[in-house]
N, C-alpha and C. Protein backbone atom coordinates (compact mmCIF):
# COMPACT_ATOMS: atom_id res chain seq x y z
N MET A 1 -13.55 175.43 241.50
CA MET A 1 -14.04 175.78 240.18
C MET A 1 -14.64 174.56 239.49
N ILE A 2 -15.86 174.72 238.97
CA ILE A 2 -16.53 173.63 238.29
C ILE A 2 -15.99 173.49 236.87
N GLU A 3 -15.62 172.26 236.50
CA GLU A 3 -15.06 172.00 235.18
C GLU A 3 -15.83 170.89 234.49
N LYS A 4 -16.14 171.08 233.20
CA LYS A 4 -16.83 170.07 232.42
C LYS A 4 -15.92 169.40 231.40
N LYS A 5 -14.80 170.02 231.11
CA LYS A 5 -13.88 169.47 230.12
C LYS A 5 -12.66 168.88 230.81
N PHE A 6 -12.17 167.79 230.25
CA PHE A 6 -10.98 167.15 230.80
C PHE A 6 -9.73 167.91 230.37
N SER A 7 -8.92 168.24 231.34
CA SER A 7 -7.64 168.91 231.08
C SER A 7 -6.51 167.90 231.30
N LEU A 8 -5.29 168.39 231.18
CA LEU A 8 -4.13 167.50 231.35
C LEU A 8 -4.11 166.87 232.74
N LYS A 9 -4.46 167.64 233.77
CA LYS A 9 -4.42 167.11 235.13
C LYS A 9 -5.43 165.98 235.32
N HIS A 10 -6.60 166.10 234.68
CA HIS A 10 -7.60 165.03 234.75
C HIS A 10 -7.10 163.78 234.03
N SER A 11 -6.50 163.98 232.88
CA SER A 11 -6.00 162.85 232.09
C SER A 11 -4.89 162.11 232.83
N ILE A 12 -4.00 162.87 233.48
CA ILE A 12 -2.90 162.25 234.23
C ILE A 12 -3.46 161.45 235.41
N ALA A 13 -4.43 162.02 236.10
CA ALA A 13 -5.03 161.35 237.25
C ALA A 13 -5.73 160.06 236.83
N LEU A 14 -6.47 160.11 235.73
CA LEU A 14 -7.16 158.91 235.23
C LEU A 14 -6.15 157.87 234.76
N ALA A 15 -5.09 158.31 234.10
CA ALA A 15 -4.06 157.38 233.64
C ALA A 15 -3.39 156.67 234.81
N MET A 16 -3.19 157.37 235.91
CA MET A 16 -2.59 156.77 237.09
C MET A 16 -3.51 155.70 237.68
N VAL A 17 -4.82 155.96 237.67
CA VAL A 17 -5.77 154.97 238.17
C VAL A 17 -5.76 153.73 237.28
N LEU A 18 -5.78 153.93 235.98
CA LEU A 18 -5.77 152.79 235.05
C LEU A 18 -4.49 151.98 235.18
N LEU A 19 -3.37 152.68 235.35
CA LEU A 19 -2.09 151.99 235.57
C LEU A 19 -2.13 151.19 236.87
N PHE A 20 -2.72 151.77 237.88
CA PHE A 20 -2.83 151.10 239.18
C PHE A 20 -3.71 149.85 239.07
N ILE A 21 -4.78 149.93 238.27
CA ILE A 21 -5.64 148.77 238.06
C ILE A 21 -4.84 147.65 237.39
N ILE A 22 -4.03 148.00 236.40
CA ILE A 22 -3.21 147.00 235.70
C ILE A 22 -2.24 146.34 236.67
N ILE A 23 -1.58 147.15 237.50
CA ILE A 23 -0.62 146.60 238.48
C ILE A 23 -1.33 145.70 239.48
N ALA A 24 -2.50 146.16 239.94
CA ALA A 24 -3.26 145.39 240.94
C ALA A 24 -3.78 144.07 240.37
N SER A 25 -3.87 143.99 239.04
CA SER A 25 -4.38 142.78 238.39
C SER A 25 -3.33 141.69 238.29
N ILE A 26 -2.10 142.00 238.68
CA ILE A 26 -1.02 141.01 238.65
C ILE A 26 -1.06 140.19 239.94
N ASN A 27 -1.38 138.92 239.79
CA ASN A 27 -1.42 137.98 240.91
C ASN A 27 -2.23 138.45 242.12
N PRO A 28 -3.50 138.80 241.92
CA PRO A 28 -4.34 139.10 243.10
C PRO A 28 -4.54 137.82 243.92
N LEU A 29 -4.94 137.97 245.17
CA LEU A 29 -5.06 136.80 246.03
C LEU A 29 -6.10 135.81 245.53
N GLU A 30 -7.20 136.30 245.00
CA GLU A 30 -8.26 135.41 244.50
C GLU A 30 -8.91 136.10 243.31
N PHE A 31 -8.66 135.59 242.12
CA PHE A 31 -8.97 136.34 240.90
C PHE A 31 -10.45 136.60 240.70
N GLU A 32 -11.31 135.62 240.99
CA GLU A 32 -12.75 135.81 240.77
C GLU A 32 -13.30 136.90 241.68
N SER A 33 -12.92 136.88 242.95
CA SER A 33 -13.36 137.93 243.87
C SER A 33 -12.78 139.28 243.47
N TYR A 34 -11.55 139.26 242.99
CA TYR A 34 -10.92 140.49 242.52
C TYR A 34 -11.71 141.10 241.37
N LEU A 35 -12.15 140.27 240.43
CA LEU A 35 -12.93 140.77 239.30
C LEU A 35 -14.26 141.37 239.75
N LEU A 36 -14.89 140.75 240.74
CA LEU A 36 -16.14 141.30 241.27
C LEU A 36 -15.92 142.70 241.83
N HIS A 37 -14.86 142.85 242.59
CA HIS A 37 -14.56 144.17 243.16
C HIS A 37 -14.21 145.19 242.07
N GLN A 38 -13.44 144.75 241.09
CA GLN A 38 -13.00 145.69 240.06
C GLN A 38 -14.12 146.05 239.09
N ALA A 39 -15.15 145.24 239.02
CA ALA A 39 -16.33 145.61 238.22
C ALA A 39 -16.93 146.90 238.79
N GLY A 40 -16.93 146.98 240.13
CA GLY A 40 -17.40 148.21 240.77
C GLY A 40 -16.52 149.40 240.44
N THR A 41 -15.21 149.17 240.33
CA THR A 41 -14.28 150.24 239.98
C THR A 41 -14.60 150.81 238.60
N ILE A 42 -14.81 149.92 237.64
CA ILE A 42 -15.11 150.35 236.28
C ILE A 42 -16.42 151.12 236.22
N ILE A 43 -17.42 150.63 236.92
CA ILE A 43 -18.72 151.33 236.96
C ILE A 43 -18.56 152.72 237.54
N MET A 44 -17.79 152.83 238.61
CA MET A 44 -17.58 154.14 239.23
C MET A 44 -16.82 155.09 238.33
N LEU A 45 -15.87 154.59 237.57
CA LEU A 45 -15.14 155.43 236.62
C LEU A 45 -16.07 155.96 235.52
N VAL A 46 -16.94 155.08 235.03
CA VAL A 46 -17.90 155.50 234.01
C VAL A 46 -18.83 156.58 234.56
N VAL A 47 -19.31 156.38 235.79
CA VAL A 47 -20.19 157.37 236.42
C VAL A 47 -19.47 158.71 236.57
N LEU A 48 -18.21 158.67 236.97
CA LEU A 48 -17.43 159.89 237.14
C LEU A 48 -17.30 160.66 235.83
N ILE A 49 -16.94 159.95 234.77
CA ILE A 49 -16.74 160.59 233.46
C ILE A 49 -18.04 161.19 232.93
N ILE A 50 -19.14 160.43 233.03
CA ILE A 50 -20.43 160.92 232.56
C ILE A 50 -20.87 162.14 233.35
N THR A 51 -20.71 162.06 234.68
CA THR A 51 -21.12 163.17 235.54
C THR A 51 -20.35 164.44 235.22
N MET A 52 -19.05 164.29 235.01
CA MET A 52 -18.24 165.47 234.71
C MET A 52 -18.67 166.12 233.40
N ARG A 53 -18.95 165.30 232.40
CA ARG A 53 -19.35 165.84 231.11
C ARG A 53 -20.75 166.46 231.13
N LYS A 54 -21.62 165.90 231.96
CA LYS A 54 -23.01 166.37 232.00
C LYS A 54 -23.19 167.62 232.87
N ILE A 55 -22.66 167.58 234.10
CA ILE A 55 -22.93 168.69 235.03
C ILE A 55 -21.67 169.41 235.49
N GLY A 56 -20.50 168.78 235.31
CA GLY A 56 -19.25 169.40 235.74
C GLY A 56 -19.02 169.23 237.23
N ILE A 57 -17.78 169.00 237.61
CA ILE A 57 -17.40 168.92 239.02
C ILE A 57 -16.05 169.62 239.20
N SER A 58 -15.74 169.95 240.41
CA SER A 58 -14.45 170.58 240.69
C SER A 58 -13.34 169.53 240.65
N PHE A 59 -12.12 169.97 240.42
CA PHE A 59 -11.01 169.02 240.43
C PHE A 59 -10.80 168.45 241.82
N PHE A 60 -11.15 169.22 242.84
CA PHE A 60 -11.08 168.73 244.22
C PHE A 60 -11.96 167.49 244.38
N SER A 61 -13.21 167.56 243.91
CA SER A 61 -14.12 166.42 243.98
C SER A 61 -13.60 165.26 243.13
N PHE A 62 -13.09 165.60 241.95
CA PHE A 62 -12.54 164.61 241.02
C PHE A 62 -11.37 163.86 241.67
N PHE A 63 -10.48 164.61 242.31
CA PHE A 63 -9.30 164.02 242.94
C PHE A 63 -9.69 163.12 244.12
N LEU A 64 -10.61 163.59 244.96
CA LEU A 64 -11.04 162.78 246.10
C LEU A 64 -11.73 161.50 245.64
N TYR A 65 -12.51 161.61 244.59
CA TYR A 65 -13.20 160.44 244.01
C TYR A 65 -12.18 159.38 243.58
N LEU A 66 -11.15 159.82 242.86
CA LEU A 66 -10.12 158.88 242.41
C LEU A 66 -9.29 158.35 243.57
N THR A 67 -9.10 159.16 244.60
CA THR A 67 -8.39 158.69 245.79
C THR A 67 -9.13 157.53 246.42
N PHE A 68 -10.46 157.65 246.47
CA PHE A 68 -11.27 156.54 246.99
C PHE A 68 -11.06 155.28 246.15
N LEU A 69 -11.01 155.45 244.83
CA LEU A 69 -10.81 154.29 243.96
C LEU A 69 -9.44 153.65 244.19
N PHE A 70 -8.42 154.47 244.43
CA PHE A 70 -7.09 153.92 244.75
C PHE A 70 -7.17 153.02 245.99
N ILE A 71 -7.84 153.52 247.02
CA ILE A 71 -7.98 152.75 248.27
C ILE A 71 -8.74 151.46 248.00
N HIS A 72 -9.79 151.56 247.20
CA HIS A 72 -10.60 150.39 246.87
C HIS A 72 -9.80 149.36 246.06
N ILE A 73 -9.00 149.82 245.11
CA ILE A 73 -8.23 148.91 244.26
C ILE A 73 -7.23 148.11 245.09
N ILE A 74 -6.61 148.76 246.06
CA ILE A 74 -5.70 148.04 246.96
C ILE A 74 -6.46 146.94 247.69
N GLY A 75 -7.65 147.29 248.19
CA GLY A 75 -8.47 146.31 248.89
C GLY A 75 -8.88 145.16 247.98
N ALA A 76 -9.20 145.46 246.73
CA ALA A 76 -9.59 144.43 245.78
C ALA A 76 -8.45 143.44 245.54
N HIS A 77 -7.23 143.94 245.42
CA HIS A 77 -6.08 143.07 245.18
C HIS A 77 -5.86 142.10 246.33
N TYR A 78 -6.01 142.60 247.56
CA TYR A 78 -5.74 141.78 248.74
C TYR A 78 -7.00 141.20 249.37
N LEU A 79 -8.14 141.30 248.68
CA LEU A 79 -9.42 140.81 249.22
C LEU A 79 -9.79 141.51 250.52
N TYR A 80 -9.39 142.74 250.68
CA TYR A 80 -9.71 143.57 251.84
C TYR A 80 -9.19 142.98 253.15
N SER A 81 -9.59 141.75 253.47
CA SER A 81 -9.25 141.15 254.75
C SER A 81 -7.76 140.89 254.92
N TYR A 82 -7.02 140.92 253.81
CA TYR A 82 -5.60 140.55 253.87
C TYR A 82 -4.67 141.68 253.45
N VAL A 83 -5.17 142.90 253.40
CA VAL A 83 -4.29 144.03 253.09
C VAL A 83 -3.26 144.15 254.22
N PRO A 84 -1.97 144.02 253.91
CA PRO A 84 -0.95 143.99 254.98
C PRO A 84 -0.52 145.38 255.47
N TYR A 85 -1.50 146.21 255.77
CA TYR A 85 -1.17 147.58 256.21
C TYR A 85 -0.34 147.58 257.48
N ASN A 86 -0.63 146.62 258.38
CA ASN A 86 0.10 146.60 259.65
C ASN A 86 1.57 146.23 259.42
N GLN A 87 1.79 145.29 258.50
CA GLN A 87 3.16 144.90 258.19
C GLN A 87 3.90 146.03 257.50
N TRP A 88 3.20 146.77 256.64
CA TRP A 88 3.82 147.94 255.99
C TRP A 88 4.27 148.96 257.04
N LEU A 89 3.41 149.21 258.02
CA LEU A 89 3.76 150.16 259.08
C LEU A 89 4.92 149.66 259.92
N LEU A 90 4.95 148.36 260.18
CA LEU A 90 6.06 147.78 260.95
C LEU A 90 7.37 147.91 260.18
N ASP A 91 7.32 147.64 258.87
CA ASP A 91 8.54 147.70 258.06
C ASP A 91 9.04 149.13 257.91
N LEU A 92 8.11 150.08 257.75
CA LEU A 92 8.51 151.47 257.48
C LEU A 92 8.80 152.26 258.76
N PHE A 93 7.98 152.04 259.79
CA PHE A 93 8.08 152.89 260.99
C PHE A 93 8.25 152.11 262.29
N ALA A 94 8.34 150.78 262.18
CA ALA A 94 8.43 149.93 263.38
C ALA A 94 7.27 150.21 264.33
N PHE A 95 6.09 150.43 263.75
CA PHE A 95 4.90 150.75 264.54
C PHE A 95 3.82 149.70 264.29
N ASP A 96 3.35 149.07 265.37
CA ASP A 96 2.32 148.04 265.27
C ASP A 96 0.97 148.69 265.57
N LEU A 97 0.26 149.06 264.51
CA LEU A 97 -1.03 149.75 264.67
C LEU A 97 -2.07 148.84 265.30
N ASN A 98 -2.15 147.59 264.85
CA ASN A 98 -3.15 146.68 265.40
C ASN A 98 -2.99 146.48 266.89
N GLN A 99 -1.75 146.29 267.31
CA GLN A 99 -1.49 146.09 268.75
C GLN A 99 -1.79 147.36 269.53
N SER A 100 -1.42 148.50 268.99
CA SER A 100 -1.65 149.78 269.67
C SER A 100 -3.14 150.06 269.85
N MET A 101 -3.94 149.66 268.86
CA MET A 101 -5.38 149.91 268.92
C MET A 101 -6.16 148.75 269.52
N GLY A 102 -5.47 147.65 269.78
CA GLY A 102 -6.15 146.49 270.35
C GLY A 102 -7.03 145.77 269.35
N TRP A 103 -6.65 145.84 268.07
CA TRP A 103 -7.46 145.20 267.02
C TRP A 103 -7.03 143.75 266.84
N SER A 104 -8.02 142.86 266.73
CA SER A 104 -7.73 141.45 266.50
C SER A 104 -8.07 141.03 265.07
N ARG A 105 -8.60 141.95 264.27
CA ARG A 105 -8.95 141.67 262.88
C ARG A 105 -8.31 142.70 261.97
N ASN A 106 -8.30 142.41 260.68
CA ASN A 106 -7.81 143.37 259.70
C ASN A 106 -8.87 144.46 259.50
N MET A 107 -8.47 145.71 259.69
CA MET A 107 -9.42 146.83 259.68
C MET A 107 -9.44 147.61 258.37
N TYR A 108 -8.82 147.08 257.33
CA TYR A 108 -8.76 147.85 256.09
C TYR A 108 -10.14 148.11 255.50
N ASP A 109 -11.03 147.12 255.62
CA ASP A 109 -12.38 147.32 255.08
C ASP A 109 -13.11 148.45 255.79
N ARG A 110 -12.83 148.62 257.08
CA ARG A 110 -13.43 149.73 257.82
C ARG A 110 -12.94 151.08 257.27
N LEU A 111 -11.66 151.13 256.93
CA LEU A 111 -11.09 152.35 256.34
C LEU A 111 -11.80 152.70 255.04
N VAL A 112 -12.06 151.69 254.21
CA VAL A 112 -12.68 151.94 252.91
C VAL A 112 -14.09 152.49 253.08
N HIS A 113 -14.85 151.95 254.01
CA HIS A 113 -16.21 152.44 254.22
C HIS A 113 -16.21 153.86 254.80
N PHE A 114 -15.27 154.11 255.69
CA PHE A 114 -15.14 155.47 256.23
C PHE A 114 -14.75 156.44 255.10
N ALA A 115 -13.82 156.00 254.25
CA ALA A 115 -13.38 156.83 253.12
C ALA A 115 -14.51 157.09 252.14
N TYR A 116 -15.41 156.15 252.01
CA TYR A 116 -16.57 156.33 251.12
C TYR A 116 -17.36 157.56 251.55
N GLY A 117 -17.62 157.68 252.84
CA GLY A 117 -18.36 158.84 253.34
C GLY A 117 -17.58 160.14 253.22
N VAL A 118 -16.28 160.08 253.49
CA VAL A 118 -15.45 161.29 253.47
C VAL A 118 -15.14 161.75 252.05
N LEU A 119 -14.61 160.85 251.25
CA LEU A 119 -14.04 161.23 249.95
C LEU A 119 -15.08 161.43 248.85
N LEU A 120 -16.22 160.78 248.96
CA LEU A 120 -17.24 160.95 247.91
C LEU A 120 -18.28 162.00 248.27
N TYR A 121 -18.19 162.55 249.46
CA TYR A 121 -19.17 163.56 249.87
C TYR A 121 -19.24 164.75 248.89
N PRO A 122 -18.10 165.35 248.51
CA PRO A 122 -18.17 166.49 247.58
C PRO A 122 -18.81 166.14 246.24
N PHE A 123 -18.56 164.93 245.76
CA PHE A 123 -19.15 164.49 244.50
C PHE A 123 -20.67 164.39 244.62
N PHE A 124 -21.14 163.76 245.68
CA PHE A 124 -22.59 163.63 245.90
C PHE A 124 -23.22 165.01 246.11
N TYR A 125 -22.52 165.87 246.81
CA TYR A 125 -23.03 167.22 247.07
C TYR A 125 -23.26 167.95 245.75
N ARG A 126 -22.30 167.84 244.86
CA ARG A 126 -22.43 168.51 243.55
C ARG A 126 -23.63 167.97 242.78
N CYS A 127 -23.83 166.66 242.83
CA CYS A 127 -24.96 166.07 242.11
C CYS A 127 -26.28 166.60 242.64
N PHE A 128 -26.46 166.62 243.95
CA PHE A 128 -27.70 167.13 244.53
C PHE A 128 -27.85 168.63 244.30
N GLN A 129 -26.73 169.32 244.28
CA GLN A 129 -26.75 170.77 244.05
C GLN A 129 -27.32 171.08 242.67
N VAL A 130 -27.00 170.25 241.68
CA VAL A 130 -27.50 170.44 240.32
C VAL A 130 -28.95 169.96 240.19
N TRP A 131 -29.24 168.82 240.80
CA TRP A 131 -30.59 168.26 240.71
C TRP A 131 -31.62 169.13 241.43
N ILE A 132 -31.22 169.75 242.56
CA ILE A 132 -32.14 170.58 243.34
C ILE A 132 -31.48 171.95 243.54
N PRO A 133 -31.47 172.79 242.52
CA PRO A 133 -30.73 174.06 242.59
C PRO A 133 -31.24 175.03 243.65
N SER A 134 -32.46 174.88 244.08
CA SER A 134 -33.01 175.80 245.08
C SER A 134 -32.69 175.37 246.51
N ALA A 135 -32.09 174.18 246.67
CA ALA A 135 -31.81 173.66 248.02
C ALA A 135 -30.71 174.47 248.70
N LYS A 136 -30.92 174.74 249.97
CA LYS A 136 -29.93 175.46 250.77
C LYS A 136 -28.86 174.48 251.27
N PRO A 137 -27.72 174.99 251.72
CA PRO A 137 -26.62 174.12 252.14
C PRO A 137 -27.01 173.07 253.18
N PHE A 138 -27.84 173.45 254.15
CA PHE A 138 -28.21 172.46 255.18
C PHE A 138 -29.07 171.35 254.59
N THR A 139 -29.95 171.71 253.66
CA THR A 139 -30.76 170.70 252.99
C THR A 139 -29.88 169.75 252.19
N LEU A 140 -28.90 170.30 251.48
CA LEU A 140 -27.98 169.47 250.72
C LEU A 140 -27.15 168.57 251.63
N PHE A 141 -26.76 169.10 252.76
CA PHE A 141 -26.02 168.32 253.76
C PHE A 141 -26.84 167.10 254.18
N LEU A 142 -28.11 167.32 254.49
CA LEU A 142 -28.97 166.21 254.92
C LEU A 142 -29.19 165.21 253.79
N LEU A 143 -29.36 165.72 252.58
CA LEU A 143 -29.59 164.83 251.43
C LEU A 143 -28.38 163.93 251.18
N VAL A 144 -27.19 164.52 251.22
CA VAL A 144 -25.98 163.72 250.99
C VAL A 144 -25.79 162.71 252.11
N LEU A 145 -26.00 163.13 253.34
CA LEU A 145 -25.85 162.23 254.47
C LEU A 145 -26.81 161.04 254.34
N GLN A 146 -28.05 161.32 254.01
CA GLN A 146 -29.03 160.25 253.84
C GLN A 146 -28.69 159.36 252.65
N PHE A 147 -28.14 159.96 251.59
CA PHE A 147 -27.77 159.16 250.43
C PHE A 147 -26.62 158.21 250.78
N VAL A 148 -25.64 158.70 251.52
CA VAL A 148 -24.53 157.83 251.93
C VAL A 148 -25.04 156.68 252.79
N MET A 149 -25.95 156.97 253.69
CA MET A 149 -26.52 155.93 254.54
C MET A 149 -27.29 154.91 253.70
N ALA A 150 -28.14 155.41 252.79
CA ALA A 150 -28.96 154.52 251.98
C ALA A 150 -28.12 153.69 251.01
N SER A 151 -27.15 154.32 250.36
CA SER A 151 -26.32 153.60 249.39
C SER A 151 -25.43 152.57 250.10
N SER A 152 -25.01 152.87 251.33
CA SER A 152 -24.23 151.91 252.11
C SER A 152 -25.07 150.68 252.43
N MET A 153 -26.33 150.91 252.79
CA MET A 153 -27.23 149.80 253.07
C MET A 153 -27.47 148.96 251.82
N ILE A 154 -27.69 149.63 250.68
CA ILE A 154 -27.92 148.91 249.43
C ILE A 154 -26.70 148.08 249.05
N TYR A 155 -25.51 148.65 249.26
CA TYR A 155 -24.28 147.90 248.97
C TYR A 155 -24.19 146.64 249.83
N GLU A 156 -24.49 146.78 251.11
CA GLU A 156 -24.42 145.62 252.01
C GLU A 156 -25.44 144.56 251.61
N LEU A 157 -26.62 144.98 251.15
CA LEU A 157 -27.63 144.02 250.69
C LEU A 157 -27.17 143.31 249.42
N LEU A 158 -26.57 144.08 248.50
CA LEU A 158 -26.05 143.48 247.28
C LEU A 158 -24.92 142.49 247.59
N GLU A 159 -24.06 142.88 248.51
CA GLU A 159 -22.95 142.01 248.92
C GLU A 159 -23.49 140.72 249.52
N TRP A 160 -24.51 140.85 250.35
CA TRP A 160 -25.15 139.68 250.95
C TRP A 160 -25.78 138.81 249.87
N GLY A 161 -26.48 139.44 248.90
CA GLY A 161 -27.12 138.69 247.82
C GLY A 161 -26.11 137.93 246.97
N LEU A 162 -24.98 138.56 246.68
CA LEU A 162 -23.93 137.89 245.91
C LEU A 162 -23.33 136.72 246.70
N SER A 163 -23.17 136.93 247.99
CA SER A 163 -22.54 135.91 248.83
C SER A 163 -23.38 134.65 248.95
N ILE A 164 -24.71 134.80 248.86
CA ILE A 164 -25.60 133.65 248.97
C ILE A 164 -25.30 132.62 247.88
N GLY A 165 -24.96 133.11 246.70
CA GLY A 165 -24.69 132.21 245.57
C GLY A 165 -23.27 131.66 245.52
N LEU A 166 -22.44 132.04 246.49
CA LEU A 166 -21.05 131.58 246.52
C LEU A 166 -20.86 130.51 247.58
N SER A 167 -19.77 129.79 247.47
CA SER A 167 -19.42 128.84 248.53
C SER A 167 -19.03 129.62 249.77
N PRO A 168 -19.10 128.99 250.96
CA PRO A 168 -18.73 129.71 252.20
C PRO A 168 -17.35 130.35 252.13
N GLU A 169 -16.39 129.66 251.53
CA GLU A 169 -15.03 130.21 251.43
C GLU A 169 -14.99 131.41 250.49
N ASP A 170 -15.64 131.27 249.33
CA ASP A 170 -15.66 132.38 248.37
C ASP A 170 -16.44 133.57 248.92
N ALA A 171 -17.52 133.29 249.65
CA ALA A 171 -18.31 134.37 250.25
C ALA A 171 -17.49 135.15 251.26
N GLU A 172 -16.70 134.45 252.05
CA GLU A 172 -15.84 135.11 253.04
C GLU A 172 -14.76 135.92 252.34
N ASN A 173 -14.21 135.36 251.27
CA ASN A 173 -13.18 136.08 250.52
C ASN A 173 -13.74 137.36 249.91
N TYR A 174 -15.00 137.31 249.47
CA TYR A 174 -15.58 138.48 248.81
C TYR A 174 -16.01 139.55 249.81
N ASN A 175 -16.76 139.16 250.83
CA ASN A 175 -17.31 140.21 251.71
C ASN A 175 -16.44 140.53 252.92
N GLY A 176 -15.45 139.68 253.22
CA GLY A 176 -14.48 140.01 254.27
C GLY A 176 -15.08 140.25 255.65
N GLN A 177 -16.06 139.44 256.01
CA GLN A 177 -16.73 139.63 257.28
C GLN A 177 -15.83 139.31 258.47
N GLN A 178 -14.92 138.38 258.28
CA GLN A 178 -13.93 137.98 259.29
C GLN A 178 -14.60 137.55 260.60
N GLY A 179 -15.73 136.88 260.48
CA GLY A 179 -16.40 136.33 261.66
C GLY A 179 -17.17 137.33 262.49
N ASP A 180 -17.26 138.58 262.04
CA ASP A 180 -17.97 139.62 262.81
C ASP A 180 -19.42 139.69 262.33
N MET A 181 -20.36 139.27 263.18
CA MET A 181 -21.77 139.26 262.79
C MET A 181 -22.33 140.67 262.60
N TRP A 182 -21.64 141.66 263.16
CA TRP A 182 -22.09 143.05 263.05
C TRP A 182 -21.30 143.83 262.00
N ASP A 183 -20.61 143.10 261.14
CA ASP A 183 -19.73 143.73 260.15
C ASP A 183 -20.47 144.75 259.28
N ALA A 184 -21.61 144.37 258.73
CA ALA A 184 -22.36 145.27 257.85
C ALA A 184 -22.80 146.52 258.59
N HIS A 185 -23.24 146.36 259.84
CA HIS A 185 -23.71 147.50 260.62
C HIS A 185 -22.56 148.49 260.89
N LYS A 186 -21.41 147.96 261.22
CA LYS A 186 -20.25 148.81 261.50
C LYS A 186 -19.77 149.52 260.23
N ASP A 187 -19.82 148.81 259.11
CA ASP A 187 -19.43 149.44 257.84
C ASP A 187 -20.34 150.61 257.50
N MET A 188 -21.64 150.41 257.64
CA MET A 188 -22.60 151.49 257.36
C MET A 188 -22.41 152.65 258.33
N PHE A 189 -22.15 152.33 259.58
CA PHE A 189 -21.95 153.37 260.59
C PHE A 189 -20.73 154.22 260.26
N LEU A 190 -19.63 153.58 259.85
CA LEU A 190 -18.41 154.32 259.55
C LEU A 190 -18.57 155.19 258.30
N ALA A 191 -19.29 154.70 257.31
CA ALA A 191 -19.56 155.53 256.13
C ALA A 191 -20.36 156.76 256.53
N THR A 192 -21.32 156.57 257.43
CA THR A 192 -22.14 157.69 257.90
C THR A 192 -21.30 158.70 258.68
N ILE A 193 -20.44 158.20 259.55
CA ILE A 193 -19.56 159.09 260.33
C ILE A 193 -18.64 159.86 259.41
N GLY A 194 -18.10 159.19 258.39
CA GLY A 194 -17.23 159.86 257.43
C GLY A 194 -17.95 160.99 256.72
N ALA A 195 -19.17 160.72 256.26
CA ALA A 195 -19.95 161.75 255.58
C ALA A 195 -20.32 162.88 256.52
N LEU A 196 -20.60 162.54 257.76
CA LEU A 196 -20.97 163.56 258.76
C LEU A 196 -19.81 164.51 259.01
N LEU A 197 -18.62 163.96 259.17
CA LEU A 197 -17.45 164.79 259.45
C LEU A 197 -17.11 165.70 258.26
N MET A 198 -17.08 165.11 257.07
CA MET A 198 -16.81 165.92 255.88
C MET A 198 -17.94 166.91 255.65
N GLY A 199 -19.16 166.48 255.91
CA GLY A 199 -20.32 167.33 255.67
C GLY A 199 -20.36 168.55 256.54
N ILE A 200 -19.92 168.42 257.78
CA ILE A 200 -19.93 169.58 258.69
C ILE A 200 -19.00 170.67 258.15
N GLY A 201 -17.79 170.27 257.77
CA GLY A 201 -16.85 171.24 257.21
C GLY A 201 -17.34 171.81 255.90
N TYR A 202 -17.90 170.96 255.07
CA TYR A 202 -18.41 171.38 253.77
C TYR A 202 -19.61 172.31 253.95
N TYR A 203 -20.43 172.03 254.95
CA TYR A 203 -21.62 172.85 255.20
C TYR A 203 -21.23 174.28 255.54
N TYR A 204 -20.27 174.43 256.44
CA TYR A 204 -19.86 175.78 256.82
C TYR A 204 -19.21 176.52 255.66
N GLN A 205 -18.45 175.80 254.85
CA GLN A 205 -17.83 176.43 253.69
C GLN A 205 -18.90 176.88 252.69
N MET A 206 -19.84 176.01 252.39
CA MET A 206 -20.89 176.33 251.43
C MET A 206 -21.87 177.37 251.97
N SER A 207 -22.09 177.35 253.29
CA SER A 207 -22.97 178.35 253.89
C SER A 207 -22.42 179.75 253.70
N ASN A 208 -21.12 179.88 253.89
CA ASN A 208 -20.47 181.18 253.71
C ASN A 208 -20.53 181.62 252.24
N THR A 209 -20.31 180.66 251.33
CA THR A 209 -20.40 180.97 249.91
C THR A 209 -21.82 181.37 249.51
N HIS A 210 -22.79 180.62 250.05
CA HIS A 210 -24.21 180.89 249.76
C HIS A 210 -24.61 182.27 250.29
N ALA A 211 -24.11 182.62 251.47
CA ALA A 211 -24.47 183.91 252.08
C ALA A 211 -23.89 185.09 251.30
N LYS A 212 -22.74 184.87 250.64
CA LYS A 212 -22.11 185.95 249.88
C LYS A 212 -22.67 186.11 248.47
N THR A 213 -23.45 185.08 248.04
CA THR A 213 -23.99 185.12 246.67
C THR A 213 -25.17 186.09 246.61
N PRO A 214 -25.15 187.06 245.70
CA PRO A 214 -26.27 188.00 245.59
C PRO A 214 -27.55 187.28 245.20
N THR A 215 -28.69 187.71 245.78
CA THR A 215 -29.97 187.12 245.46
C THR A 215 -30.80 188.06 244.63
């Protein structure tokens, strides 16, 4: 159901995100890099609020959007490259994910890019649905997929541009390349795969809804 007004559930969800930002702001690993990342969080929150008031979105899209921000905020606190997800798994379940997967680097940044494609797909779909009301589900699927690919590329270019003005250490702390020369390419690929997987399921759901709508 499309909603334009904030209800109690929206307010609680937003309050949890704001509380999480406050908690994450306590002793981050590197404060300047943390602020750069959190600037993106604030911008995304503003975009979410404006979009909901202007065109309306479902609570499902709203919830997934905020879930992505939760994942991003954790990454911002630990500078992405140092999120101790493997240690958390070892402490909770005695399971070494990195060893099991044969990973030699911290993969949290890969998760965030994959989540970008998966969790923000419904939000982007709604935006294109309003902007191009005559578009059929498959057209919207392609538009969202291309937007995720293009926005991922733009993000990597912006990240590169910011890094040029930083010292080598600060640049590494901010972009979390971890010595992988193909880092940007893999990030963009994972965002695309995430959008593709979510898009396929979303396409079939919307196709059925579109077919049942009287013309």
